[in-house]
C-alpha atoms as a PDB file:
ATOM      1  CA  MET A   1      31.986 -14.155  26.667  1.00  0.00           C
ATOM      2  CA  ASN A   2      28.669 -12.469  27.458  1.00  0.00           C
ATOM      3  CA  ASN A   3      27.454 -10.914  24.217  1.00  0.00           C
ATOM      4  CA  ARG A   4      24.241  -9.397  25.530  1.00  0.00           C
ATOM      5  CA  ARG A   5      23.761  -5.688  26.040  1.00  0.00           C
ATOM      6  CA  SER A   6      21.543  -4.767  28.947  1.00  0.00           C
ATOM      7  CA  THR A   7      21.154  -1.144  27.845  1.00  0.00           C
ATOM      8  CA  ILE A   8      18.486  -0.658  25.205  1.00  0.00           C
ATOM      9  CA  LEU A   9      19.270   2.996  24.470  1.00  0.00           C
ATOM     10  CA  ILE A  10      22.866   2.789  23.303  1.00  0.00           C
ATOM     11  CA  ASN A  11      22.837   5.939  21.185  1.00  0.00           C
ATOM     12  CA  LYS A  12      19.985   7.851  22.790  1.00  0.00           C
ATOM     13  CA  SER A  13      19.787  10.739  20.311  1.00  0.00           C
ATOM     14  CA  PHE A  14      19.731   8.440  17.262  1.00  0.00           C
ATOM     15  CA  GLN A  15      17.274   5.980  18.771  1.00  0.00           C
ATOM     16  CA  MET A  16      14.900   8.623  20.170  1.00  0.00           C
ATOM     17  CA  ASN A  17      14.951  10.515  16.867  1.00  0.00           C
ATOM     18  CA  PHE A  18      14.061   7.282  15.069  1.00  0.00           C
ATOM     19  CA  LEU A  19      11.224   6.632  17.554  1.00  0.00           C
ATOM     20  CA  LYS A  20       9.844  10.150  17.086  1.00  0.00           C
ATOM     21  CA  LYS A  21       9.790   9.719  13.322  1.00  0.00           C
ATOM     22  CA  ALA A  22       8.198   6.274  13.587  1.00  0.00           C
ATOM     23  CA  PHE A  23       5.537   7.630  15.976  1.00  0.00           C
ATOM     24  CA  PHE A  24       4.806  10.562  13.654  1.00  0.00           C
ATOM     25  CA  PHE A  25       4.505   8.186  10.702  1.00  0.00           C
ATOM     26  CA  LEU A  26       2.205   5.843  12.629  1.00  0.00           C
ATOM     27  CA  SER A  27       0.083   8.769  13.857  1.00  0.00           C
ATOM     28  CA  PHE A  28      -0.238  10.091  10.317  1.00  0.00           C
ATOM     29  CA  ILE A  29      -1.374   6.706   9.022  1.00  0.00           C
ATOM     30  CA  PHE A  30      -3.830   6.286  11.886  1.00  0.00           C
ATOM     31  CA  ALA A  31      -5.273   9.796  11.452  1.00  0.00           C
ATOM     32  CA  THR A  32      -5.649   9.195   7.719  1.00  0.00           C
ATOM     33  CA  ILE A  33      -7.525   5.945   8.308  1.00  0.00           C
ATOM     34  CA  VAL A  34      -9.817   7.499  10.943  1.00  0.00           C
ATOM     35  CA  LEU A  35     -10.584  10.547   8.799  1.00  0.00           C
ATOM     36  CA  ALA A  36     -11.188   8.379   5.724  1.00  0.00           C
ATOM     37  CA  ASN A  37     -13.600   6.208   7.710  1.00  0.00           C
ATOM     38  CA  ILE A  38     -15.442   9.234   9.022  1.00  0.00           C
ATOM     39  CA  TRP A  39     -15.564  10.870   5.610  1.00  0.00           C
ATOM     40  CA  LEU A  40     -16.690   7.715   3.811  1.00  0.00           C
ATOM     41  CA  LEU A  41     -18.993   6.178   6.403  1.00  0.00           C
ATOM     42  CA  SER A  42     -20.608   9.262   7.906  1.00  0.00           C
ATOM     43  CA  PRO A  43     -23.035   9.854   5.006  1.00  0.00           C
ATOM     44  CA  LEU A  44     -23.930   6.154   4.950  1.00  0.00           C
ATOM     45  CA  LEU A  45     -24.545   6.067   8.699  1.00  0.00           C
ATOM     46  CA  ASP A  46     -26.656   9.232   8.519  1.00  0.00           C
ATOM     47  CA  TYR A  47     -28.684   7.762   5.656  1.00  0.00           C
ATOM     48  CA  ILE A  48     -29.345   4.528   7.560  1.00  0.00           C
ATOM     49  CA  GLN A  49     -30.451   6.483  10.618  1.00  0.00           C
ATOM     50  CA  SER A  50     -32.762   8.623   8.458  1.00  0.00           C
ATOM     51  CA  MET A  51     -34.535   5.536   7.055  1.00  0.00           C
ATOM     52  CA  ASN A  52     -36.959   5.558   9.998  1.00  0.00           C
ATOM     53  CA  LEU A  53     -36.261   1.942  10.800  1.00  0.00           C
ATOM     54  CA  PRO A  54     -38.208   0.516  13.735  1.00  0.00           C
ATOM     55  CA  GLN A  55     -36.561   0.806  17.158  1.00  0.00           C
ATOM     56  CA  GLY A  56     -34.397  -2.303  17.779  1.00  0.00           C
ATOM     57  CA  ASP A  57     -33.791  -2.998  14.084  1.00  0.00           C
ATOM     58  CA  GLU A  58     -30.546  -4.940  13.713  1.00  0.00           C
ATOM     59  CA  LEU A  59     -29.045  -2.587  11.118  1.00  0.00           C
ATOM     60  CA  LEU A  60     -29.839   0.441  13.268  1.00  0.00           C
ATOM     61  CA  LEU A  61     -28.267  -1.227  16.327  1.00  0.00           C
ATOM     62  CA  ILE A  62     -25.105  -1.995  14.352  1.00  0.00           C
ATOM     63  CA  VAL A  63     -24.882   1.616  13.185  1.00  0.00           C
ATOM     64  CA  GLU A  64     -25.352   2.946  16.718  1.00  0.00           C
ATOM     65  CA  ASP A  65     -22.745   0.522  18.094  1.00  0.00           C
ATOM     66  CA  PHE A  66     -20.320   1.578  15.394  1.00  0.00           C
ATOM     67  CA  LYS A  67     -20.852   5.253  16.209  1.00  0.00           C
ATOM     68  CA  ASN A  68     -20.493   4.617  19.947  1.00  0.00           C
ATOM     69  CA  TYR A  69     -17.563   2.197  19.960  1.00  0.00           C
ATOM     70  CA  GLY A  70     -15.798   2.691  16.625  1.00  0.00           C
ATOM     71  CA  LEU A  71     -13.475   5.439  17.800  1.00  0.00           C
ATOM     72  CA  LEU A  72     -12.808   3.616  21.075  1.00  0.00           C
ATOM     73  CA  VAL A  73     -11.754   0.492  19.193  1.00  0.00           C
ATOM     74  CA  MET A  74      -9.617   2.581  16.823  1.00  0.00           C
ATOM     75  CA  GLY A  75      -7.984   4.302  19.821  1.00  0.00           C
ATOM     76  CA  LEU A  76      -7.174   0.986  21.483  1.00  0.00           C
ATOM     77  CA  LEU A  77      -5.823  -0.297  18.203  1.00  0.00           C
ATOM     78  CA  PHE A  78      -3.647   2.801  17.886  1.00  0.00           C
ATOM     79  CA  ILE A  79      -2.276   2.356  21.417  1.00  0.00           C
ATOM     80  CA  SER A  80      -1.534  -1.323  20.748  1.00  0.00           C
ATOM     81  CA  LEU A  81       0.170  -0.605  17.442  1.00  0.00           C
ATOM     82  CA  THR A  82       2.157   2.229  18.996  1.00  0.00           C
ATOM     83  CA  ALA A  83       3.428  -0.085  21.738  1.00  0.00           C
ATOM     84  CA  PHE A  84       4.331  -2.748  19.167  1.00  0.00           C
ATOM     85  CA  PHE A  85       6.102  -0.287  16.853  1.00  0.00           C
ATOM     86  CA  THR A  86       7.956   1.277  19.788  1.00  0.00           C
ATOM     87  CA  MET A  87       9.353  -2.082  20.852  1.00  0.00           C
ATOM     88  CA  ALA A  88      10.173  -3.049  17.258  1.00  0.00           C
ATOM     89  CA  SER A  89      11.879   0.308  16.675  1.00  0.00           C
ATOM     90  CA  LEU A  90      13.931  -0.056  19.846  1.00  0.00           C
ATOM     91  CA  LEU A  91      15.063  -3.535  18.836  1.00  0.00           C
ATOM     92  CA  ILE A  92      15.945  -2.483  15.306  1.00  0.00           C
ATOM     93  CA  THR A  93      17.806   0.654  16.371  1.00  0.00           C
ATOM     94  CA  HIS A  94      19.577  -1.379  19.060  1.00  0.00           C
ATOM     95  CA  ARG A  95      20.964  -3.642  16.332  1.00  0.00           C
ATOM     96  CA  ILE A  96      22.169  -0.538  14.453  1.00  0.00           C
ATOM     97  CA  ALA A  97      23.467   1.591  17.330  1.00  0.00           C
ATOM     98  CA  GLY A  98      25.253  -1.280  19.090  1.00  0.00           C
ATOM     99  CA  PRO A  99      27.768  -2.044  16.337  1.00  0.00           C
ATOM    100  CA  LEU A 100      28.431   1.654  15.803  1.00  0.00           C
ATOM    101  CA  TYR A 101      28.998   2.039  19.538  1.00  0.00           C
ATOM    102  CA  ASN A 102      31.429  -0.906  19.553  1.00  0.00           C
ATOM    103  CA  LEU A 103      33.292   0.482  16.560  1.00  0.00           C
ATOM    104  CA  GLU A 104      33.512   3.929  18.160  1.00  0.00           C
ATOM    105  CA  ASN A 105      34.849   2.426  21.413  1.00  0.00           C
ATOM    106  CA  ALA A 106      37.418   0.341  19.532  1.00  0.00           C
ATOM    107  CA  LEU A 107      38.632   3.406  17.627  1.00  0.00           C
ATOM    108  CA  GLU A 108      38.902   5.427  20.845  1.00  0.00           C
ATOM    109  CA  LYS A 109      40.935   2.625  22.466  1.00  0.00           C
ATOM    110  CA  MET A 110      43.204   2.489  19.436  1.00  0.00           C
ATOM    111  CA  ILE A 111      43.777   6.225  19.539  1.00  0.00           C
ATOM    112  CA  SER A 112      44.577   6.246  23.258  1.00  0.00           C
ATOM    113  CA  ASN A 113      46.658   3.015  23.267  1.00  0.00           C
ATOM    114  CA  LYS A 114      48.276   3.535  19.858  1.00  0.00           C
ATOM    115  CA  LYS A 115      47.511  -0.126  19.175  1.00  0.00           C
ATOM    116  CA  LEU A 116      45.112  -1.629  16.638  1.00  0.00           C
ATOM    117  CA  GLU A 117      42.483  -3.986  18.018  1.00  0.00           C
ATOM    118  CA  LYS A 118      39.773  -6.010  16.345  1.00  0.00           C
ATOM    119  CA  VAL A 119      36.112  -5.226  16.934  1.00  0.00           C
ATOM    120  CA  HIS A 120      33.457  -7.773  17.809  1.00  0.00           C
ATOM    121  CA  PHE A 121      29.757  -7.414  17.061  1.00  0.00           C
ATOM    122  CA  ARG A 122      26.991  -9.701  18.221  1.00  0.00           C
ATOM    123  CA  GLN A 123      25.469 -12.287  15.934  1.00  0.00           C
ATOM    124  CA  GLY A 124      22.351 -10.691  14.455  1.00  0.00           C
ATOM    125  CA  ASP A 125      23.699  -7.127  14.617  1.00  0.00           C
ATOM    126  CA  TYR A 126      23.675  -5.059  11.472  1.00  0.00           C
ATOM    127  CA  PHE A 127      26.964  -4.139   9.809  1.00  0.00           C
ATOM    128  CA  LEU A 128      28.719  -7.483  10.325  1.00  0.00           C
ATOM    129  CA  ASN A 129      30.391  -6.803   6.969  1.00  0.00           C
ATOM    130  CA  ILE A 130      31.999  -3.673   8.473  1.00  0.00           C
ATOM    131  CA  GLN A 131      33.298  -5.756  11.374  1.00  0.00           C
ATOM    132  CA  ASN A 132      34.850  -8.211   8.925  1.00  0.00           C
ATOM    133  CA  GLN A 133      36.405  -5.470   6.796  1.00  0.00           C
ATOM    134  CA  PHE A 134      37.712  -3.587   9.828  1.00  0.00           C
ATOM    135  CA  ASN A 135      39.197  -6.740  11.330  1.00  0.00           C
ATOM    136  CA  SER A 136      40.818  -7.619   7.984  1.00  0.00           C
ATOM    137  CA  PHE A 137      42.352  -4.148   7.920  1.00  0.00           C
ATOM    138  CA  VAL A 138      43.689  -4.625  11.470  1.00  0.00           C
ATOM    139  CA  GLU A 139      45.149  -8.043  10.574  1.00  0.00           C
ATOM    140  CA  ASN A 140      46.806  -6.703   7.420  1.00  0.00           C
ATOM    141  CA  PHE A 141      48.204  -3.713   9.274  1.00  0.00           C
ATOM    142  CA  GLN A 142      49.515  -5.898  12.107  1.00  0.00           C
ATOM    143  CA  ASP A 143      51.100  -8.295   9.598  1.00  0.00           C
ATOM    144  CA  GLU A 144      52.817  -5.409   7.841  1.00  0.00           C
ATOM    145  CA  ASP A 145      53.905  -3.946  11.171  1.00  0.00           C
ATOM    146  CA  ASP A 146      55.330  -7.309  12.276  1.00  0.00           C
ATOM    147  CA  GLN A 147      57.168  -7.647   8.954  1.00  0.00           C
ATOM    148  CA  LEU A 148      58.585  -4.154   9.324  1.00  0.00           C
ATOM    149  CA  LYS A 149      59.791  -4.928  12.871  1.00  0.00           C
ATOM    150  CA  ARG A 150      61.472  -8.159  11.690  1.00  0.00           C
ATOM    151  CA  ASN A 151      63.202  -6.287   8.880  1.00  0.00           C
ATOM    152  CA  GLU A 152      64.401  -3.646  11.351  1.00  0.00           C
ATOM    153  CA  LYS A 153      65.828  -6.372  13.636  1.00  0.00           C
ATOM    154  CA  LYS A 154      67.624  -7.994  10.734  1.00  0.00           C
ATOM    155  CA  ALA A 155      69.032  -4.643   9.658  1.00  0.00           C
ATOM    156  CA  SER A 156      70.467  -3.857  13.103  1.00  0.00           C
END
């Protein structure tokens, strides 16, 4: 049995909402770090530049490089972290939405067929305990139903 899902967005509204919140959280953290660096380092950088160091002084070159490339490096870091967190969020939400999708489909089949069926989640999905409890319920119900049918046959 092929247990792999090829669709990443199983429950699009849930997964996209999660991604939006994760992106907002990551953006807030990044903005806080950038603003803290600017607020803390700006006076120091201005002081170093006001020291009238000779042109080509190593400390002055480091300060100028930091001012020129610091935000670029932070931007690239933000883009990299955003890509990483997006993929991680998709994988995590996939492991949440998939079992719920399977459970929903199983319940819909049961309603339309009037027959209880077990659900099957993939290894590594979240909510495996719900699968086990649901399947135990189905087994118990089927056992009771079978017993009831046998008693009805004996009675007739």
